[in-house]
């Protein structure tokens, strides 16, 4: 029976270290969604994405009809 060696713990520790570094360097710009929700602010950009997708879809449809 072969023993399967893996560096999973090392990859996990590396990923955790990278996450901690990211949070430390970008903490001021991270959004606290629970505070935004309680204050009645929007917590999603889905409405903007939907609008952009609709505009792009209409423009592509018009372009296809012209051809």
PDB file of N, CA and C in Angstrom:
ATOM      1  N   UNK A   1       0.843  -1.179   0.000  1.00  0.00           N
ATOM      2  CA  UNK A   1       0.000   0.000   0.000  1.00  0.00           C
ATOM      3  C   UNK A   1       0.888   1.241   0.000  1.00  0.00           C
ATOM      4  N   UNK A   2       0.630   2.143  -0.929  1.00  0.00           N
ATOM      5  CA  UNK A   2       1.432   3.360  -1.018  1.00  0.00           C
ATOM      6  C   UNK A   2       0.853   4.442  -0.121  1.00  0.00           C
ATOM      7  N   UNK A   3       1.730   5.162   0.496  1.00  0.00           N
ATOM      8  CA  UNK A   3       1.298   6.303   1.298  1.00  0.00           C
ATOM      9  C   UNK A   3       1.241   7.520   0.385  1.00  0.00           C
ATOM     10  N   UNK A   4       0.097   8.144   0.333  1.00  0.00           N
ATOM     11  CA  UNK A   4      -0.075   9.315  -0.517  1.00  0.00           C
ATOM     12  C   UNK A   4       0.374  10.539   0.270  1.00  0.00           C
ATOM     13  N   UNK A   5       1.379  11.192  -0.242  1.00  0.00           N
ATOM     14  CA  UNK A   5       1.853  12.405   0.418  1.00  0.00           C
ATOM     15  C   UNK A   5       1.229  13.602  -0.278  1.00  0.00           C
ATOM     16  N   UNK A   6       0.877  14.544   0.482  1.00  0.00           N
ATOM     17  CA  UNK A   6       0.266  15.750  -0.064  1.00  0.00           C
ATOM     18  C   UNK A   6       0.750  16.948   0.721  1.00  0.00           C
ATOM     19  N   UNK A   7       0.790  18.059   0.050  1.00  0.00           N
ATOM     20  CA  UNK A   7       1.168  19.291   0.732  1.00  0.00           C
ATOM     21  C   UNK A   7      -0.060  20.164   0.983  1.00  0.00           C
ATOM     22  N   UNK A   8      -1.187  19.509   1.174  1.00  0.00           N
ATOM     23  CA  UNK A   8      -2.426  20.232   1.450  1.00  0.00           C
ATOM     24  C   UNK A   8      -2.290  21.181   2.631  1.00  0.00           C
ATOM     25  N   UNK A   9      -1.745  20.756   3.767  1.00  0.00           N
ATOM     26  CA  UNK A   9      -1.622  21.711   4.878  1.00  0.00           C
ATOM     27  C   UNK A   9      -0.776  22.921   4.507  1.00  0.00           C
ATOM     28  N   UNK A  10       0.271  22.716   3.731  1.00  0.00           N
ATOM     29  CA  UNK A  10       1.109  23.843   3.326  1.00  0.00           C
ATOM     30  C   UNK A  10       0.360  24.796   2.406  1.00  0.00           C
ATOM     31  N   UNK A  11      -0.406  24.248   1.466  1.00  0.00           N
ATOM     32  CA  UNK A  11      -1.193  25.104   0.572  1.00  0.00           C
ATOM     33  C   UNK A  11      -2.244  25.870   1.358  1.00  0.00           C
ATOM     34  N   UNK A  12      -2.855  25.196   2.314  1.00  0.00           N
ATOM     35  CA  UNK A  12      -3.876  25.848   3.135  1.00  0.00           C
ATOM     36  C   UNK A  12      -3.266  26.984   3.945  1.00  0.00           C
ATOM     37  N   UNK A  13      -2.143  26.729   4.573  1.00  0.00           N
ATOM     38  CA  UNK A  13      -1.480  27.766   5.372  1.00  0.00           C
ATOM     39  C   UNK A  13      -1.019  28.927   4.504  1.00  0.00           C
ATOM     40  N   UNK A  14      -0.570  28.624   3.298  1.00  0.00           N
ATOM     41  CA  UNK A  14      -0.175  29.679   2.366  1.00  0.00           C
ATOM     42  C   UNK A  14      -1.379  30.533   1.982  1.00  0.00           C
ATOM     43  N   UNK A  15      -2.500  29.880   1.684  1.00  0.00           N
ATOM     44  CA  UNK A  15      -3.709  30.615   1.306  1.00  0.00           C
ATOM     45  C   UNK A  15      -4.211  31.482   2.454  1.00  0.00           C
ATOM     46  N   UNK A  16      -4.165  30.955   3.672  1.00  0.00           N
ATOM     47  CA  UNK A  16      -4.595  31.737   4.837  1.00  0.00           C
ATOM     48  C   UNK A  16      -3.697  32.949   5.022  1.00  0.00           C
ATOM     49  N   UNK A  17      -2.399  32.759   4.853  1.00  0.00           N
ATOM     50  CA  UNK A  17      -1.460  33.879   4.963  1.00  0.00           C
ATOM     51  C   UNK A  17      -1.724  34.944   3.921  1.00  0.00           C
ATOM     52  N   UNK A  18      -2.015  34.524   2.685  1.00  0.00           N
ATOM     53  CA  UNK A  18      -2.323  35.479   1.620  1.00  0.00           C
ATOM     54  C   UNK A  18      -3.621  36.222   1.903  1.00  0.00           C
ATOM     55  N   UNK A  19      -4.616  35.509   2.440  1.00  0.00           N
ATOM     56  CA  UNK A  19      -5.879  36.158   2.785  1.00  0.00           C
ATOM     57  C   UNK A  19      -5.676  37.194   3.885  1.00  0.00           C
ATOM     58  N   UNK A  20      -4.894  36.844   4.890  1.00  0.00           N
ATOM     59  CA  UNK A  20      -4.619  37.792   5.971  1.00  0.00           C
ATOM     60  C   UNK A  20      -3.890  39.021   5.444  1.00  0.00           C
ATOM     61  N   UNK A  21      -2.942  38.834   4.549  1.00  0.00           N
ATOM     62  CA  UNK A  21      -2.216  39.964   3.971  1.00  0.00           C
ATOM     63  C   UNK A  21      -3.157  40.849   3.154  1.00  0.00           C
ATOM     64  N   UNK A  22      -4.067  40.216   2.395  1.00  0.00           N
ATOM     65  CA  UNK A  22      -5.023  40.982   1.594  1.00  0.00           C
ATOM     66  C   UNK A  22      -5.929  41.825   2.482  1.00  0.00           C
ATOM     67  N   UNK A  23      -6.454  41.217   3.539  1.00  0.00           N
ATOM     68  CA  UNK A  23      -7.349  41.929   4.439  1.00  0.00           C
ATOM     69  C   UNK A  23      -6.610  43.062   5.134  1.00  0.00           C
ATOM     70  N   UNK A  24      -5.379  42.814   5.544  1.00  0.00           N
ATOM     71  CA  UNK A  24      -4.599  43.851   6.217  1.00  0.00           C
ATOM     72  C   UNK A  24      -4.326  45.040   5.295  1.00  0.00           C
ATOM     73  N   UNK A  25      -4.041  44.774   4.025  1.00  0.00           N
ATOM     74  CA  UNK A  25      -3.714  45.876   3.117  1.00  0.00           C
ATOM     75  C   UNK A  25      -4.941  46.544   2.510  1.00  0.00           C
ATOM     76  N   UNK A  26      -6.096  45.867   2.494  1.00  0.00           N
ATOM     77  CA  UNK A  26      -7.295  46.422   1.866  1.00  0.00           C
ATOM     78  C   UNK A  26      -8.448  46.595   2.846  1.00  0.00           C
ATOM     79  N   UNK A  27      -8.184  46.524   4.123  1.00  0.00           N
ATOM     80  CA  UNK A  27      -9.239  46.568   5.127  1.00  0.00           C
ATOM     81  C   UNK A  27     -10.105  47.813   5.057  1.00  0.00           C
ATOM     82  N   UNK A  28      -9.501  48.952   4.709  1.00  0.00           N
ATOM     83  CA  UNK A  28     -10.258  50.202   4.673  1.00  0.00           C
ATOM     84  C   UNK A  28     -11.288  50.223   3.543  1.00  0.00           C
ATOM     85  N   UNK A  29     -11.041  49.468   2.479  1.00  0.00           N
ATOM     86  CA  UNK A  29     -11.966  49.498   1.343  1.00  0.00           C
ATOM     87  C   UNK A  29     -12.948  48.336   1.323  1.00  0.00           C
ATOM     88  N   UNK A  30     -12.841  47.416   2.271  1.00  0.00           N
ATOM     89  CA  UNK A  30     -13.771  46.291   2.326  1.00  0.00           C
ATOM     90  C   UNK A  30     -15.126  46.758   2.847  1.00  0.00           C
ATOM     91  N   UNK A  31     -16.185  46.219   2.278  1.00  0.00           N
ATOM     92  CA  UNK A  31     -17.550  46.622   2.615  1.00  0.00           C
ATOM     93  C   UNK A  31     -18.093  45.732   3.728  1.00  0.00           C
ATOM     94  N   UNK A  32     -18.705  46.362   4.733  1.00  0.00           N
ATOM     95  CA  UNK A  32     -19.391  45.611   5.775  1.00  0.00           C
ATOM     96  C   UNK A  32     -20.862  45.560   5.386  1.00  0.00           C
ATOM     97  N   UNK A  33     -21.254  44.445   4.777  1.00  0.00           N
ATOM     98  CA  UNK A  33     -22.593  44.340   4.207  1.00  0.00           C
ATOM     99  C   UNK A  33     -23.690  44.380   5.265  1.00  0.00           C
ATOM    100  N   UNK A  34     -23.430  43.854   6.445  1.00  0.00           N
ATOM    101  CA  UNK A  34     -24.462  43.873   7.483  1.00  0.00           C
ATOM    102  C   UNK A  34     -24.785  45.304   7.906  1.00  0.00           C
ATOM    103  N   UNK A  35     -23.772  46.170   7.995  1.00  0.00           N
ATOM    104  CA  UNK A  35     -24.024  47.570   8.350  1.00  0.00           C
ATOM    105  C   UNK A  35     -24.785  48.282   7.234  1.00  0.00           C
ATOM    106  N   UNK A  36     -24.426  48.017   6.002  1.00  0.00           N
ATOM    107  CA  UNK A  36     -25.128  48.636   4.873  1.00  0.00           C
ATOM    108  C   UNK A  36     -26.589  48.184   4.842  1.00  0.00           C
ATOM    109  N   UNK A  37     -26.840  46.909   5.088  1.00  0.00           N
ATOM    110  CA  UNK A  37     -28.192  46.370   5.070  1.00  0.00           C
ATOM    111  C   UNK A  37     -29.034  47.022   6.162  1.00  0.00           C
ATOM    112  N   UNK A  38     -28.484  47.125   7.367  1.00  0.00           N
ATOM    113  CA  UNK A  38     -29.233  47.718   8.482  1.00  0.00           C
ATOM    114  C   UNK A  38     -29.513  49.198   8.264  1.00  0.00           C
ATOM    115  N   UNK A  39     -28.646  49.890   7.530  1.00  0.00           N
ATOM    116  CA  UNK A  39     -28.870  51.316   7.297  1.00  0.00           C
ATOM    117  C   UNK A  39     -29.709  51.567   6.049  1.00  0.00           C
ATOM    118  N   UNK A  40     -30.162  50.498   5.385  1.00  0.00           N
ATOM    119  CA  UNK A  40     -31.040  50.648   4.225  1.00  0.00           C
ATOM    120  C   UNK A  40     -30.315  50.911   2.921  1.00  0.00           C
ATOM    121  N   UNK A  41     -28.995  50.769   2.900  1.00  0.00           N
ATOM    122  CA  UNK A  41     -28.234  50.993   1.682  1.00  0.00           C
ATOM    123  C   UNK A  41     -28.236  49.739   0.817  1.00  0.00           C
ATOM    124  N   UNK A  42     -27.952  49.923  -0.456  1.00  0.00           N
ATOM    125  CA  UNK A  42     -27.889  48.785  -1.367  1.00  0.00           C
ATOM    126  C   UNK A  42     -26.655  47.955  -1.061  1.00  0.00           C
ATOM    127  N   UNK A  43     -26.811  46.659  -1.179  1.00  0.00           N
ATOM    128  CA  UNK A  43     -25.677  45.771  -0.947  1.00  0.00           C
ATOM    129  C   UNK A  43     -25.354  44.945  -2.179  1.00  0.00           C
ATOM    130  N   UNK A  44     -25.961  45.268  -3.300  1.00  0.00           N
ATOM    131  CA  UNK A  44     -25.732  44.501  -4.513  1.00  0.00           C
ATOM    132  C   UNK A  44     -25.674  45.440  -5.704  1.00  0.00           C
ATOM    133  N   UNK A  45     -24.945  45.032  -6.716  1.00  0.00           N
ATOM    134  CA  UNK A  45     -24.895  45.811  -7.952  1.00  0.00           C
ATOM    135  C   UNK A  45     -25.681  45.105  -9.057  1.00  0.00           C
ATOM    136  N   UNK A  46     -26.544  44.186  -8.678  1.00  0.00           N
ATOM    137  CA  UNK A  46     -27.291  43.398  -9.662  1.00  0.00           C
ATOM    138  C   UNK A  46     -28.163  44.281 -10.547  1.00  0.00           C
ATOM    139  N   UNK A  47     -28.722  45.351  -9.993  1.00  0.00           N
ATOM    140  CA  UNK A  47     -29.578  46.229 -10.799  1.00  0.00           C
ATOM    141  C   UNK A  47     -28.775  46.908 -11.902  1.00  0.00           C
ATOM    142  N   UNK A  48     -27.537  47.264 -11.629  1.00  0.00           N
ATOM    143  CA  UNK A  48     -26.685  47.885 -12.646  1.00  0.00           C
ATOM    144  C   UNK A  48     -26.289  46.845 -13.691  1.00  0.00           C
ATOM    145  N   UNK A  49     -25.916  45.663 -13.240  1.00  0.00           N
ATOM    146  CA  UNK A  49     -25.526  44.609 -14.165  1.00  0.00           C
ATOM    147  C   UNK A  49     -26.672  44.237 -15.089  1.00  0.00           C
ATOM    148  N   UNK A  50     -27.874  44.184 -14.564  1.00  0.00           N
ATOM    149  CA  UNK A  50     -29.047  43.855 -15.369  1.00  0.00           C
ATOM    150  C   UNK A  50     -29.267  44.913 -16.446  1.00  0.00           C
ATOM    151  N   UNK A  51     -29.142  46.182 -16.077  1.00  0.00           N
ATOM    152  CA  UNK A  51     -29.331  47.271 -17.026  1.00  0.00           C
ATOM    153  C   UNK A  51     -28.279  47.216 -18.124  1.00  0.00           C
ATOM    154  N   UNK A  52     -27.033  47.015 -17.743  1.00  0.00           N
ATOM    155  CA  UNK A  52     -25.949  46.932 -18.726  1.00  0.00           C
ATOM    156  C   UNK A  52     -26.188  45.760 -19.673  1.00  0.00           C
ATOM    157  N   UNK A  53     -26.563  44.613 -19.131  1.00  0.00           N
ATOM    158  CA  UNK A  53     -26.835  43.451 -19.975  1.00  0.00           C
ATOM    159  C   UNK A  53     -27.981  43.704 -20.936  1.00  0.00           C
ATOM    160  N   UNK A  54     -29.013  44.411 -20.481  1.00  0.00           N
ATOM    161  CA  UNK A  54     -30.155  44.710 -21.345  1.00  0.00           C
ATOM    162  C   UNK A  54     -29.750  45.639 -22.484  1.00  0.00           C
ATOM    163  N   UNK A  55     -28.951  46.651 -22.183  1.00  0.00           N
ATOM    164  CA  UNK A  55     -28.504  47.593 -23.215  1.00  0.00           C
ATOM    165  C   UNK A  55     -27.627  46.882 -24.240  1.00  0.00           C
ATOM    166  N   UNK A  56     -26.698  46.089 -23.750  1.00  0.00           N
ATOM    167  CA  UNK A  56     -25.804  45.366 -24.661  1.00  0.00           C
ATOM    168  C   UNK A  56     -26.601  44.390 -25.520  1.00  0.00           C
ATOM    169  N   UNK A  57     -27.558  43.713 -24.918  1.00  0.00           N
ATOM    170  CA  UNK A  57     -28.374  42.761 -25.658  1.00  0.00           C
ATOM    171  C   UNK A  57     -29.144  43.447 -26.775  1.00  0.00           C
ATOM    172  N   UNK A  58     -29.733  44.604 -26.479  1.00  0.00           N
ATOM    173  CA  UNK A  58     -30.487  45.331 -27.505  1.00  0.00           C
ATOM    174  C   UNK A  58     -29.577  45.804 -28.622  1.00  0.00           C
ATOM    175  N   UNK A  59     -28.393  46.260 -28.274  1.00  0.00           N
ATOM    176  CA  UNK A  59     -27.466  46.738 -29.310  1.00  0.00           C
ATOM    177  C   UNK A  59     -27.013  45.609 -30.210  1.00  0.00           C
ATOM    178  N   UNK A  60     -26.729  44.449 -29.616  1.00  0.00           N
ATOM    179  CA  UNK A  60     -26.334  43.320 -30.445  1.00  0.00           C
ATOM    180  C   UNK A  60     -27.490  42.848 -31.312  1.00  0.00           C
ATOM    181  N   UNK A  61     -28.687  42.874 -30.801  1.00  0.00           N
ATOM    182  CA  UNK A  61     -29.851  42.452 -31.578  1.00  0.00           C
ATOM    183  C   UNK A  61     -30.050  43.400 -32.769  1.00  0.00           C
ATOM    184  N   UNK A  62     -29.888  44.691 -32.537  1.00  0.00           N
ATOM    185  CA  UNK A  62     -30.010  45.648 -33.637  1.00  0.00           C
ATOM    186  C   UNK A  62     -28.937  45.424 -34.679  1.00  0.00           C
ATOM    187  N   UNK A  63     -27.728  45.143 -34.234  1.00  0.00           N
ATOM    188  CA  UNK A  63     -26.636  44.926 -35.162  1.00  0.00           C
ATOM    189  C   UNK A  63     -26.897  43.692 -36.012  1.00  0.00           C
ATOM    190  N   UNK A  64     -27.452  42.661 -35.444  1.00  0.00           N
ATOM    191  CA  UNK A  64     -27.725  41.447 -36.192  1.00  0.00           C
ATOM    192  C   UNK A  64     -28.832  41.660 -37.215  1.00  0.00           C
ATOM    193  N   UNK A  65     -29.814  42.499 -36.896  1.00  0.00           N
ATOM    194  CA  UNK A  65     -30.900  42.740 -37.824  1.00  0.00           C
ATOM    195  C   UNK A  65     -30.416  43.538 -39.027  1.00  0.00           C
ATOM    196  N   UNK A  66     -29.463  44.433 -38.826  1.00  0.00           N
ATOM    197  CA  UNK A  66     -28.945  45.249 -39.907  1.00  0.00           C
ATOM    198  C   UNK A  66     -28.190  44.388 -40.914  1.00  0.00           C
ATOM    199  N   UNK A  67     -27.489  43.385 -40.427  1.00  0.00           N
ATOM    200  CA  UNK A  67     -26.722  42.526 -41.334  1.00  0.00           C
ATOM    201  C   UNK A  67     -27.680  41.757 -42.177  1.00  0.00           C
TER     202      UNK A  67
END
